[in-house]
PDB file of N, CA and C in Angstrom:
ATOM      1  N   UNK A   1      -5.039  16.421  10.951  1.00  0.00           N
ATOM      2  CA  UNK A   1      -4.230  15.579  11.692  1.00  0.00           C
ATOM      3  C   UNK A   1      -3.026  14.954  10.892  1.00  0.00           C
ATOM      4  N   UNK A   2      -2.136  14.261  11.051  1.00  0.00           N
ATOM      5  CA  UNK A   2      -0.880  14.198  10.727  1.00  0.00           C
ATOM      6  C   UNK A   2      -0.584  12.774  10.890  1.00  0.00           C
ATOM      7  N   UNK A   3      -0.181  12.006   9.942  1.00  0.00           N
ATOM      8  CA  UNK A   3      -0.064  10.515  10.126  1.00  0.00           C
ATOM      9  C   UNK A   3       1.239   9.979   9.520  1.00  0.00           C
ATOM     10  N   UNK A   4       1.797   9.282  10.209  1.00  0.00           N
ATOM     11  CA  UNK A   4       3.208   8.709   9.779  1.00  0.00           C
ATOM     12  C   UNK A   4       2.997   7.290   9.183  1.00  0.00           C
ATOM     13  N   UNK A   5       3.823   7.004   8.366  1.00  0.00           N
ATOM     14  CA  UNK A   5       3.797   5.426   7.794  1.00  0.00           C
ATOM     15  C   UNK A   5       5.170   5.001   8.143  1.00  0.00           C
ATOM     16  N   UNK A   6       5.464   3.692   8.512  1.00  0.00           N
ATOM     17  CA  UNK A   6       6.514   2.993   8.666  1.00  0.00           C
ATOM     18  C   UNK A   6       6.239   1.425   8.285  1.00  0.00           C
ATOM     19  N   UNK A   7       7.478   0.944   7.780  1.00  0.00           N
ATOM     20  CA  UNK A   7       7.286  -0.485   7.616  1.00  0.00           C
ATOM     21  C   UNK A   7       7.532  -1.415   8.795  1.00  0.00           C
ATOM     22  N   UNK A   8       6.630  -2.280   9.144  1.00  0.00           N
ATOM     23  CA  UNK A   8       7.105  -3.292  10.390  1.00  0.00           C
ATOM     24  C   UNK A   8       7.452  -4.619   9.649  1.00  0.00           C
ATOM     25  N   UNK A   9       8.690  -4.871   9.519  1.00  0.00           N
ATOM     26  CA  UNK A   9       8.887  -5.963   8.446  1.00  0.00           C
ATOM     27  C   UNK A   9       8.872  -7.092   9.269  1.00  0.00           C
ATOM     28  N   UNK A  10       8.917  -7.373  10.261  1.00  0.00           N
ATOM     29  CA  UNK A  10       8.715  -8.531  11.438  1.00  0.00           C
ATOM     30  C   UNK A  10       7.200  -8.945  11.237  1.00  0.00           C
ATOM     31  N   UNK A  11       6.243  -7.624  10.693  1.00  0.00           N
ATOM     32  CA  UNK A  11       4.925  -7.928  10.680  1.00  0.00           C
ATOM     33  C   UNK A  11       4.381  -8.055   8.961  1.00  0.00           C
ATOM     34  N   UNK A  12       4.981  -7.901   8.143  1.00  0.00           N
ATOM     35  CA  UNK A  12       5.105  -7.953   7.111  1.00  0.00           C
ATOM     36  C   UNK A  12       3.921  -6.984   6.785  1.00  0.00           C
ATOM     37  N   UNK A  13       4.135  -5.909   7.064  1.00  0.00           N
ATOM     38  CA  UNK A  13       2.892  -4.445   6.835  1.00  0.00           C
ATOM     39  C   UNK A  13       3.389  -3.344   7.269  1.00  0.00           C
ATOM     40  N   UNK A  14       2.730  -2.470   6.639  1.00  0.00           N
ATOM     41  CA  UNK A  14       3.281  -0.902   6.463  1.00  0.00           C
ATOM     42  C   UNK A  14       2.309  -0.640   7.626  1.00  0.00           C
ATOM     43  N   UNK A  15       2.498   0.164   8.482  1.00  0.00           N
ATOM     44  CA  UNK A  15       1.678   0.711   9.635  1.00  0.00           C
ATOM     45  C   UNK A  15       1.150   2.286   9.640  1.00  0.00           C
ATOM     46  N   UNK A  16       0.098   3.002   9.788  1.00  0.00           N
ATOM     47  CA  UNK A  16       0.074   4.000   9.488  1.00  0.00           C
ATOM     48  C   UNK A  16      -0.417   4.768  10.905  1.00  0.00           C
ATOM     49  N   UNK A  17       0.436   5.425  11.531  1.00  0.00           N
ATOM     50  CA  UNK A  17      -0.180   5.898  13.047  1.00  0.00           C
ATOM     51  C   UNK A  17      -0.450   7.458  12.822  1.00  0.00           C
ATOM     52  N   UNK A  18      -0.966   7.779  13.959  1.00  0.00           N
ATOM     53  CA  UNK A  18      -1.456   9.452  14.063  1.00  0.00           C
ATOM     54  C   UNK A  18      -0.473   9.998  15.134  1.00  0.00           C
ATOM     55  N   UNK A  19      -0.374  11.146  15.700  1.00  0.00           N
ATOM     56  CA  UNK A  19       0.335  11.937  16.301  1.00  0.00           C
ATOM     57  C   UNK A  19       0.793  10.875  17.518  1.00  0.00           C
ATOM     58  N   UNK A  20      -0.436  10.732  18.284  1.00  0.00           N
ATOM     59  CA  UNK A  20      -0.221   9.797  19.440  1.00  0.00           C
ATOM     60  C   UNK A  20       0.419   8.520  19.323  1.00  0.00           C
ATOM     61  N   UNK A  21       0.516   7.985  17.971  1.00  0.00           N
ATOM     62  CA  UNK A  21       0.963   6.358  18.032  1.00  0.00           C
ATOM     63  C   UNK A  21      -0.156   5.431  17.709  1.00  0.00           C
ATOM     64  N   UNK A  22      -1.315   6.163  18.112  1.00  0.00           N
ATOM     65  CA  UNK A  22      -2.425   5.279  17.529  1.00  0.00           C
ATOM     66  C   UNK A  22      -2.231   4.516  16.081  1.00  0.00           C
ATOM     67  N   UNK A  23      -2.509   3.317  16.045  1.00  0.00           N
ATOM     68  CA  UNK A  23      -2.624   2.706  14.608  1.00  0.00           C
ATOM     69  C   UNK A  23      -3.687   3.170  14.090  1.00  0.00           C
ATOM     70  N   UNK A  24      -3.740   3.281  12.724  1.00  0.00           N
ATOM     71  CA  UNK A  24      -4.778   4.178  12.127  1.00  0.00           C
ATOM     72  C   UNK A  24      -4.856   3.513  11.065  1.00  0.00           C
ATOM     73  N   UNK A  25      -3.998   2.670  10.079  1.00  0.00           N
ATOM     74  CA  UNK A  25      -4.266   1.462   9.148  1.00  0.00           C
ATOM     75  C   UNK A  25      -3.164   0.876   8.848  1.00  0.00           C
ATOM     76  N   UNK A  26      -3.036  -0.277   8.092  1.00  0.00           N
ATOM     77  CA  UNK A  26      -2.303  -1.100   7.485  1.00  0.00           C
ATOM     78  C   UNK A  26      -2.473  -1.361   5.973  1.00  0.00           C
ATOM     79  N   UNK A  27      -1.163  -1.766   5.641  1.00  0.00           N
ATOM     80  CA  UNK A  27      -0.823  -2.310   4.097  1.00  0.00           C
ATOM     81  C   UNK A  27      -0.097  -3.727   4.809  1.00  0.00           C
ATOM     82  N   UNK A  28      -0.874  -4.978   4.485  1.00  0.00           N
ATOM     83  CA  UNK A  28      -0.093  -6.209   4.455  1.00  0.00           C
ATOM     84  C   UNK A  28       0.580  -6.450   2.867  1.00  0.00           C
ATOM     85  N   UNK A  29       1.904  -7.122   3.061  1.00  0.00           N
ATOM     86  CA  UNK A  29       2.453  -7.208   1.921  1.00  0.00           C
ATOM     87  C   UNK A  29       2.862  -8.824   2.117  1.00  0.00           C
ATOM     88  N   UNK A  30       3.616  -9.554   1.084  1.00  0.00           N
ATOM     89  CA  UNK A  30       4.416 -10.122   1.083  1.00  0.00           C
ATOM     90  C   UNK A  30       5.680  -9.828  -0.262  1.00  0.00           C
ATOM     91  N   UNK A  31       7.147 -10.293   0.606  1.00  0.00           N
ATOM     92  CA  UNK A  31       7.780 -10.119  -0.181  1.00  0.00           C
ATOM     93  C   UNK A  31       8.671 -11.114  -1.053  1.00  0.00           C
ATOM     94  N   UNK A  32       9.093 -11.142  -1.724  1.00  0.00           N
ATOM     95  CA  UNK A  32       9.889 -12.161  -2.395  1.00  0.00           C
ATOM     96  C   UNK A  32      11.027 -11.425  -3.508  1.00  0.00           C
ATOM     97  N   UNK A  33      12.192 -11.483  -3.187  1.00  0.00           N
ATOM     98  CA  UNK A  33      13.322 -10.812  -3.947  1.00  0.00           C
ATOM     99  C   UNK A  33      12.726  -9.215  -3.973  1.00  0.00           C
ATOM    100  N   UNK A  34      12.735  -8.959  -5.466  1.00  0.00           N
ATOM    101  CA  UNK A  34      12.361  -7.683  -5.675  1.00  0.00           C
ATOM    102  C   UNK A  34      10.894  -7.541  -6.232  1.00  0.00           C
ATOM    103  N   UNK A  35      10.321  -8.684  -5.939  1.00  0.00           N
ATOM    104  CA  UNK A  35       8.747  -8.488  -5.999  1.00  0.00           C
ATOM    105  C   UNK A  35       7.739  -8.379  -4.789  1.00  0.00           C
ATOM    106  N   UNK A  36       7.073  -7.037  -4.781  1.00  0.00           N
ATOM    107  CA  UNK A  36       6.509  -7.300  -3.423  1.00  0.00           C
ATOM    108  C   UNK A  36       5.024  -7.043  -3.714  1.00  0.00           C
ATOM    109  N   UNK A  37       4.225  -8.198  -3.340  1.00  0.00           N
ATOM    110  CA  UNK A  37       2.912  -8.179  -3.125  1.00  0.00           C
ATOM    111  C   UNK A  37       2.099  -7.757  -2.006  1.00  0.00           C
ATOM    112  N   UNK A  38       0.947  -6.514  -2.736  1.00  0.00           N
ATOM    113  CA  UNK A  38       0.256  -5.942  -1.885  1.00  0.00           C
ATOM    114  C   UNK A  38      -1.027  -6.585  -1.256  1.00  0.00           C
ATOM    115  N   UNK A  39      -1.188  -7.290  -0.095  1.00  0.00           N
ATOM    116  CA  UNK A  39      -2.460  -8.172  -0.254  1.00  0.00           C
ATOM    117  C   UNK A  39      -3.408  -7.448   0.221  1.00  0.00           C
ATOM    118  N   UNK A  40      -3.637  -6.575   1.270  1.00  0.00           N
ATOM    119  CA  UNK A  40      -4.754  -6.159   2.016  1.00  0.00           C
ATOM    120  C   UNK A  40      -4.531  -4.758   2.568  1.00  0.00           C
ATOM    121  N   UNK A  41      -5.350  -3.910   2.285  1.00  0.00           N
ATOM    122  CA  UNK A  41      -5.668  -2.650   3.131  1.00  0.00           C
ATOM    123  C   UNK A  41      -6.231  -2.631   3.957  1.00  0.00           C
ATOM    124  N   UNK A  42      -6.330  -1.801   5.293  1.00  0.00           N
ATOM    125  CA  UNK A  42      -7.322  -1.714   6.217  1.00  0.00           C
ATOM    126  C   UNK A  42      -7.339  -0.352   7.107  1.00  0.00           C
ATOM    127  N   UNK A  43      -8.055  -0.011   7.002  1.00  0.00           N
ATOM    128  CA  UNK A  43      -8.230   1.743   7.852  1.00  0.00           C
ATOM    129  C   UNK A  43      -9.054   1.217   9.204  1.00  0.00           C
ATOM    130  N   UNK A  44      -8.485   1.632  10.622  1.00  0.00           N
ATOM    131  CA  UNK A  44      -9.366   1.301  11.813  1.00  0.00           C
ATOM    132  C   UNK A  44     -10.386   2.257  11.368  1.00  0.00           C
ATOM    133  N   UNK A  45     -11.605   1.634  12.011  1.00  0.00           N
ATOM    134  CA  UNK A  45     -12.770   2.816  12.055  1.00  0.00           C
ATOM    135  C   UNK A  45     -12.853   3.965  12.489  1.00  0.00           C
ATOM    136  N   UNK A  46     -12.289   4.581  13.420  1.00  0.00           N
ATOM    137  CA  UNK A  46     -12.232   5.741  13.904  1.00  0.00           C
ATOM    138  C   UNK A  46     -11.431   6.590  13.095  1.00  0.00           C
ATOM    139  N   UNK A  47     -10.689   5.873  11.935  1.00  0.00           N
ATOM    140  CA  UNK A  47      -9.730   6.714  11.020  1.00  0.00           C
ATOM    141  C   UNK A  47     -10.485   6.693   9.836  1.00  0.00           C
ATOM    142  N   UNK A  48     -11.508   6.359   9.695  1.00  0.00           N
ATOM    143  CA  UNK A  48     -12.282   6.024   8.204  1.00  0.00           C
ATOM    144  C   UNK A  48     -12.687   7.595   7.654  1.00  0.00           C
ATOM    145  N   UNK A  49     -12.460   7.838   6.426  1.00  0.00           N
ATOM    146  CA  UNK A  49     -12.865   8.826   6.033  1.00  0.00           C
ATOM    147  C   UNK A  49     -12.043  10.155   6.168  1.00  0.00           C
ATOM    148  N   UNK A  50     -10.872   9.874   6.593  1.00  0.00           N
ATOM    149  CA  UNK A  50      -9.539  11.023   6.843  1.00  0.00           C
ATOM    150  C   UNK A  50      -8.498  10.548   5.905  1.00  0.00           C
ATOM    151  N   UNK A  51      -8.549   9.872   4.731  1.00  0.00           N
ATOM    152  CA  UNK A  51      -7.653   9.900   3.674  1.00  0.00           C
ATOM    153  C   UNK A  51      -6.357   8.908   4.120  1.00  0.00           C
ATOM    154  N   UNK A  52      -6.558   7.920   4.993  1.00  0.00           N
ATOM    155  CA  UNK A  52      -5.334   7.365   5.380  1.00  0.00           C
ATOM    156  C   UNK A  52      -5.407   5.979   4.536  1.00  0.00           C
ATOM    157  N   UNK A  53      -6.147   5.464   3.771  1.00  0.00           N
ATOM    158  CA  UNK A  53      -5.828   4.553   2.986  1.00  0.00           C
ATOM    159  C   UNK A  53      -5.021   5.050   1.721  1.00  0.00           C
ATOM    160  N   UNK A  54      -5.668   6.408   1.344  1.00  0.00           N
ATOM    161  CA  UNK A  54      -4.639   7.015   0.128  1.00  0.00           C
ATOM    162  C   UNK A  54      -3.037   7.287   0.812  1.00  0.00           C
ATOM    163  N   UNK A  55      -2.981   7.453   1.676  1.00  0.00           N
ATOM    164  CA  UNK A  55      -1.742   7.978   2.674  1.00  0.00           C
ATOM    165  C   UNK A  55      -0.695   7.106   2.847  1.00  0.00           C
ATOM    166  N   UNK A  56      -1.348   5.471   3.173  1.00  0.00           N
ATOM    167  CA  UNK A  56      -0.720   4.168   3.005  1.00  0.00           C
ATOM    168  C   UNK A  56      -0.389   4.290   1.606  1.00  0.00           C
ATOM    169  N   UNK A  57      -1.038   3.981   0.814  1.00  0.00           N
ATOM    170  CA  UNK A  57      -0.977   3.560  -0.958  1.00  0.00           C
ATOM    171  C   UNK A  57       0.070   4.507  -1.122  1.00  0.00           C
ATOM    172  N   UNK A  58       0.120   5.813  -1.283  1.00  0.00           N
ATOM    173  CA  UNK A  58       1.145   6.443  -1.823  1.00  0.00           C
ATOM    174  C   UNK A  58       2.720   6.158  -1.176  1.00  0.00           C
ATOM    175  N   UNK A  59       2.526   5.943   0.085  1.00  0.00           N
ATOM    176  CA  UNK A  59       3.964   5.412   0.861  1.00  0.00           C
ATOM    177  C   UNK A  59       4.557   4.314   0.414  1.00  0.00           C
ATOM    178  N   UNK A  60       3.098   3.240   0.580  1.00  0.00           N
ATOM    179  CA  UNK A  60       3.848   2.355  -0.124  1.00  0.00           C
ATOM    180  C   UNK A  60       4.309   1.673  -1.686  1.00  0.00           C
ATOM    181  N   UNK A  61       3.958   2.962  -2.203  1.00  0.00           N
ATOM    182  CA  UNK A  61       4.162   2.727  -3.739  1.00  0.00           C
ATOM    183  C   UNK A  61       5.722   3.530  -4.086  1.00  0.00           C
ATOM    184  N   UNK A  62       5.782   4.613  -2.845  1.00  0.00           N
ATOM    185  CA  UNK A  62       6.990   5.143  -3.241  1.00  0.00           C
ATOM    186  C   UNK A  62       8.218   4.668  -2.594  1.00  0.00           C
ATOM    187  N   UNK A  63       7.739   3.897  -1.451  1.00  0.00           N
ATOM    188  CA  UNK A  63       8.906   2.804  -1.193  1.00  0.00           C
ATOM    189  C   UNK A  63       9.551   1.818  -1.866  1.00  0.00           C
ATOM    190  N   UNK A  64       8.214   1.424  -2.495  1.00  0.00           N
ATOM    191  CA  UNK A  64       8.520   0.210  -3.669  1.00  0.00           C
ATOM    192  C   UNK A  64       9.475   1.012  -5.006  1.00  0.00           C
ATOM    193  N   UNK A  65       8.818   2.254  -5.334  1.00  0.00           N
ATOM    194  CA  UNK A  65       9.945   2.605  -6.156  1.00  0.00           C
ATOM    195  C   UNK A  65      11.285   2.982  -5.791  1.00  0.00           C
ATOM    196  N   UNK A  66      11.389   3.351  -4.550  1.00  0.00           N
ATOM    197  CA  UNK A  66      12.830   3.716  -4.010  1.00  0.00           C
ATOM    198  C   UNK A  66      13.445   2.329  -4.192  1.00  0.00           C
ATOM    199  N   UNK A  67      12.996   1.197  -3.553  1.00  0.00           N
ATOM    200  CA  UNK A  67      13.642  -0.163  -3.521  1.00  0.00           C
ATOM    201  C   UNK A  67      13.695  -0.873  -4.669  1.00  0.00           C
ATOM    202  N   UNK A  68      13.512  -0.261  -6.023  1.00  0.00           N
ATOM    203  CA  UNK A  68      13.322  -0.747  -7.154  1.00  0.00           C
ATOM    204  C   UNK A  68      12.432  -2.197  -7.206  1.00  0.00           C
ATOM    205  N   UNK A  69      11.416  -1.865  -6.605  1.00  0.00           N
ATOM    206  CA  UNK A  69      10.775  -3.405  -6.492  1.00  0.00           C
ATOM    207  C   UNK A  69       9.446  -3.178  -7.428  1.00  0.00           C
ATOM    208  N   UNK A  70       9.108  -4.518  -7.893  1.00  0.00           N
ATOM    209  CA  UNK A  70       8.111  -4.395  -9.018  1.00  0.00           C
ATOM    210  C   UNK A  70       6.823  -4.926  -7.870  1.00  0.00           C
ATOM    211  N   UNK A  71       5.589  -4.140  -8.014  1.00  0.00           N
ATOM    212  CA  UNK A  71       4.545  -4.207  -7.453  1.00  0.00           C
ATOM    213  C   UNK A  71       3.532  -5.421  -7.771  1.00  0.00           C
ATOM    214  N   UNK A  72       2.867  -6.117  -7.208  1.00  0.00           N
ATOM    215  CA  UNK A  72       1.817  -6.725  -7.441  1.00  0.00           C
ATOM    216  C   UNK A  72       0.802  -6.382  -6.594  1.00  0.00           C
ATOM    217  N   UNK A  73      -0.369  -5.554  -6.888  1.00  0.00           N
ATOM    218  CA  UNK A  73      -1.736  -5.156  -6.341  1.00  0.00           C
ATOM    219  C   UNK A  73      -2.507  -6.547  -6.334  1.00  0.00           C
ATOM    220  N   UNK A  74      -2.539  -7.215  -5.322  1.00  0.00           N
ATOM    221  CA  UNK A  74      -4.011  -8.273  -4.872  1.00  0.00           C
ATOM    222  C   UNK A  74      -5.058  -7.536  -4.348  1.00  0.00           C
ATOM    223  N   UNK A  75      -4.547  -6.368  -3.664  1.00  0.00           N
ATOM    224  CA  UNK A  75      -5.510  -6.006  -2.473  1.00  0.00           C
ATOM    225  C   UNK A  75      -6.647  -4.848  -3.846  1.00  0.00           C
ATOM    226  N   UNK A  76      -7.741  -5.253  -3.291  1.00  0.00           N
ATOM    227  CA  UNK A  76      -8.669  -4.322  -4.252  1.00  0.00           C
ATOM    228  C   UNK A  76      -8.421  -2.690  -4.246  1.00  0.00           C
ATOM    229  N   UNK A  77      -8.247  -2.374  -3.168  1.00  0.00           N
ATOM    230  CA  UNK A  77      -8.489  -0.970  -2.561  1.00  0.00           C
ATOM    231  C   UNK A  77      -7.263  -0.206  -3.297  1.00  0.00           C
ATOM    232  N   UNK A  78      -5.937  -0.649  -3.361  1.00  0.00           N
ATOM    233  CA  UNK A  78      -4.577  -0.154  -3.965  1.00  0.00           C
ATOM    234  C   UNK A  78      -4.849  -0.718  -5.213  1.00  0.00           C
ATOM    235  N   UNK A  79      -5.715  -1.446  -5.799  1.00  0.00           N
ATOM    236  CA  UNK A  79      -5.542  -1.653  -7.124  1.00  0.00           C
ATOM    237  C   UNK A  79      -6.564  -0.586  -8.170  1.00  0.00           C
ATOM    238  N   UNK A  80      -7.572  -0.204  -7.451  1.00  0.00           N
ATOM    239  CA  UNK A  80      -8.418   0.792  -7.485  1.00  0.00           C
ATOM    240  C   UNK A  80      -7.740   2.261  -7.656  1.00  0.00           C
ATOM    241  N   UNK A  81      -6.676   2.468  -6.456  1.00  0.00           N
ATOM    242  CA  UNK A  81      -6.167   3.551  -5.915  1.00  0.00           C
ATOM    243  C   UNK A  81      -4.903   3.904  -7.375  1.00  0.00           C
ATOM    244  N   UNK A  82      -4.197   2.697  -7.303  1.00  0.00           N
ATOM    245  CA  UNK A  82      -3.392   2.859  -8.552  1.00  0.00           C
ATOM    246  C   UNK A  82      -3.910   3.026 -10.161  1.00  0.00           C
ATOM    247  N   UNK A  83      -5.461   2.802 -10.305  1.00  0.00           N
ATOM    248  CA  UNK A  83      -5.676   3.333 -11.717  1.00  0.00           C
ATOM    249  C   UNK A  83      -6.018   4.655 -11.342  1.00  0.00           C
ATOM    250  N   UNK A  84      -5.827   5.243 -10.460  1.00  0.00           N
ATOM    251  CA  UNK A  84      -5.906   6.942 -10.473  1.00  0.00           C
ATOM    252  C   UNK A  84      -4.683   7.565 -10.594  1.00  0.00           C
ATOM    253  N   UNK A  85      -3.407   6.686 -10.301  1.00  0.00           N
ATOM    254  CA  UNK A  85      -2.244   7.260 -10.165  1.00  0.00           C
ATOM    255  C   UNK A  85      -1.322   6.705 -11.201  1.00  0.00           C
ATOM    256  N   UNK A  86      -1.406   6.974 -12.759  1.00  0.00           N
ATOM    257  CA  UNK A  86      -0.680   6.155 -13.468  1.00  0.00           C
ATOM    258  C   UNK A  86       0.855   6.713 -13.152  1.00  0.00           C
ATOM    259  N   UNK A  87       1.167   7.355 -12.560  1.00  0.00           N
ATOM    260  CA  UNK A  87       2.652   7.685 -12.535  1.00  0.00           C
ATOM    261  C   UNK A  87       3.506   6.625 -11.470  1.00  0.00           C
ATOM    262  N   UNK A  88       2.765   5.437 -11.515  1.00  0.00           N
ATOM    263  CA  UNK A  88       3.479   4.017 -10.760  1.00  0.00           C
ATOM    264  C   UNK A  88       3.464   2.860 -11.688  1.00  0.00           C
ATOM    265  N   UNK A  89       2.870   3.373 -13.049  1.00  0.00           N
ATOM    266  CA  UNK A  89       2.337   2.061 -13.869  1.00  0.00           C
ATOM    267  C   UNK A  89       3.735   1.477 -14.291  1.00  0.00           C
ATOM    268  N   UNK A  90       4.690   2.148 -14.180  1.00  0.00           N
ATOM    269  CA  UNK A  90       6.266   1.318 -14.831  1.00  0.00           C
ATOM    270  C   UNK A  90       6.576   0.215 -13.294  1.00  0.00           C
ATOM    271  N   UNK A  91       6.063   0.258 -12.180  1.00  0.00           N
ATOM    272  CA  UNK A  91       6.696  -0.506 -11.226  1.00  0.00           C
ATOM    273  C   UNK A  91       5.827  -1.722 -10.876  1.00  0.00           C
ATOM    274  N   UNK A  92       4.515  -1.469 -11.640  1.00  0.00           N
ATOM    275  CA  UNK A  92       3.147  -2.415 -11.414  1.00  0.00           C
ATOM    276  C   UNK A  92       2.776  -3.309 -12.364  1.00  0.00           C
ATOM    277  N   UNK A  93       3.213  -4.827 -11.985  1.00  0.00           N
ATOM    278  CA  UNK A  93       2.977  -5.876 -12.608  1.00  0.00           C
ATOM    279  C   UNK A  93       1.274  -6.263 -12.711  1.00  0.00           C
ATOM    280  N   UNK A  94       0.817  -5.976 -14.161  1.00  0.00           N
ATOM    281  CA  UNK A  94      -0.530  -6.559 -14.393  1.00  0.00           C
ATOM    282  C   UNK A  94      -0.451  -7.567 -15.139  1.00  0.00           C
ATOM    283  N   UNK A  95      -1.778  -8.391 -14.933  1.00  0.00           N
ATOM    284  CA  UNK A  95      -2.242  -9.328 -15.680  1.00  0.00           C
ATOM    285  C   UNK A  95      -2.382  -8.843 -17.584  1.00  0.00           C
ATOM    286  N   UNK A  96      -1.942  -9.655 -18.406  1.00  0.00           N
ATOM    287  CA  UNK A  96      -2.426  -9.054 -19.798  1.00  0.00           C
ATOM    288  C   UNK A  96      -3.499 -10.283 -20.005  1.00  0.00           C
ATOM    289  N   UNK A  97      -3.945 -11.164 -19.415  1.00  0.00           N
ATOM    290  CA  UNK A  97      -5.185 -12.336 -19.533  1.00  0.00           C
ATOM    291  C   UNK A  97      -6.306 -11.311 -19.613  1.00  0.00           C
ATOM    292  N   UNK A  98      -6.948 -11.674 -20.863  1.00  0.00           N
ATOM    293  CA  UNK A  98      -8.319 -11.278 -20.724  1.00  0.00           C
ATOM    294  C   UNK A  98      -9.549 -12.252 -20.448  1.00  0.00           C
ATOM    295  N   UNK A  99     -10.455 -11.470 -19.214  1.00  0.00           N
ATOM    296  CA  UNK A  99     -11.195 -12.418 -18.498  1.00  0.00           C
ATOM    297  C   UNK A  99     -12.435 -12.344 -19.278  1.00  0.00           C
ATOM    298  N   UNK A 100     -13.061 -13.671 -19.480  1.00  0.00           N
ATOM    299  CA  UNK A 100     -14.116 -13.538 -19.910  1.00  0.00           C
ATOM    300  C   UNK A 100     -15.530 -13.952 -19.223  1.00  0.00           C
TER     301      UNK A 100
END
């Protein structure tokens, strides 16, 4: 199954849809200047286990890189995904504060 990802700025989210146009998942965001904060990733139940989350993660990170944005990954899923994809480290803002 193929999925396409598109920005829906009026909804402040990226949407993944299958070939029939059915919504498969979203990544919500807040944009301020050149800083984009990814706040939440959600995959619709019938699409779980098909890699939609990873497809969304790669698409939003590639979009941020192309637009020369700095990413703040608040979303736990995206933060974990980025831990496995160091190729995006240069555009990710991470806290340097140590948590006790």
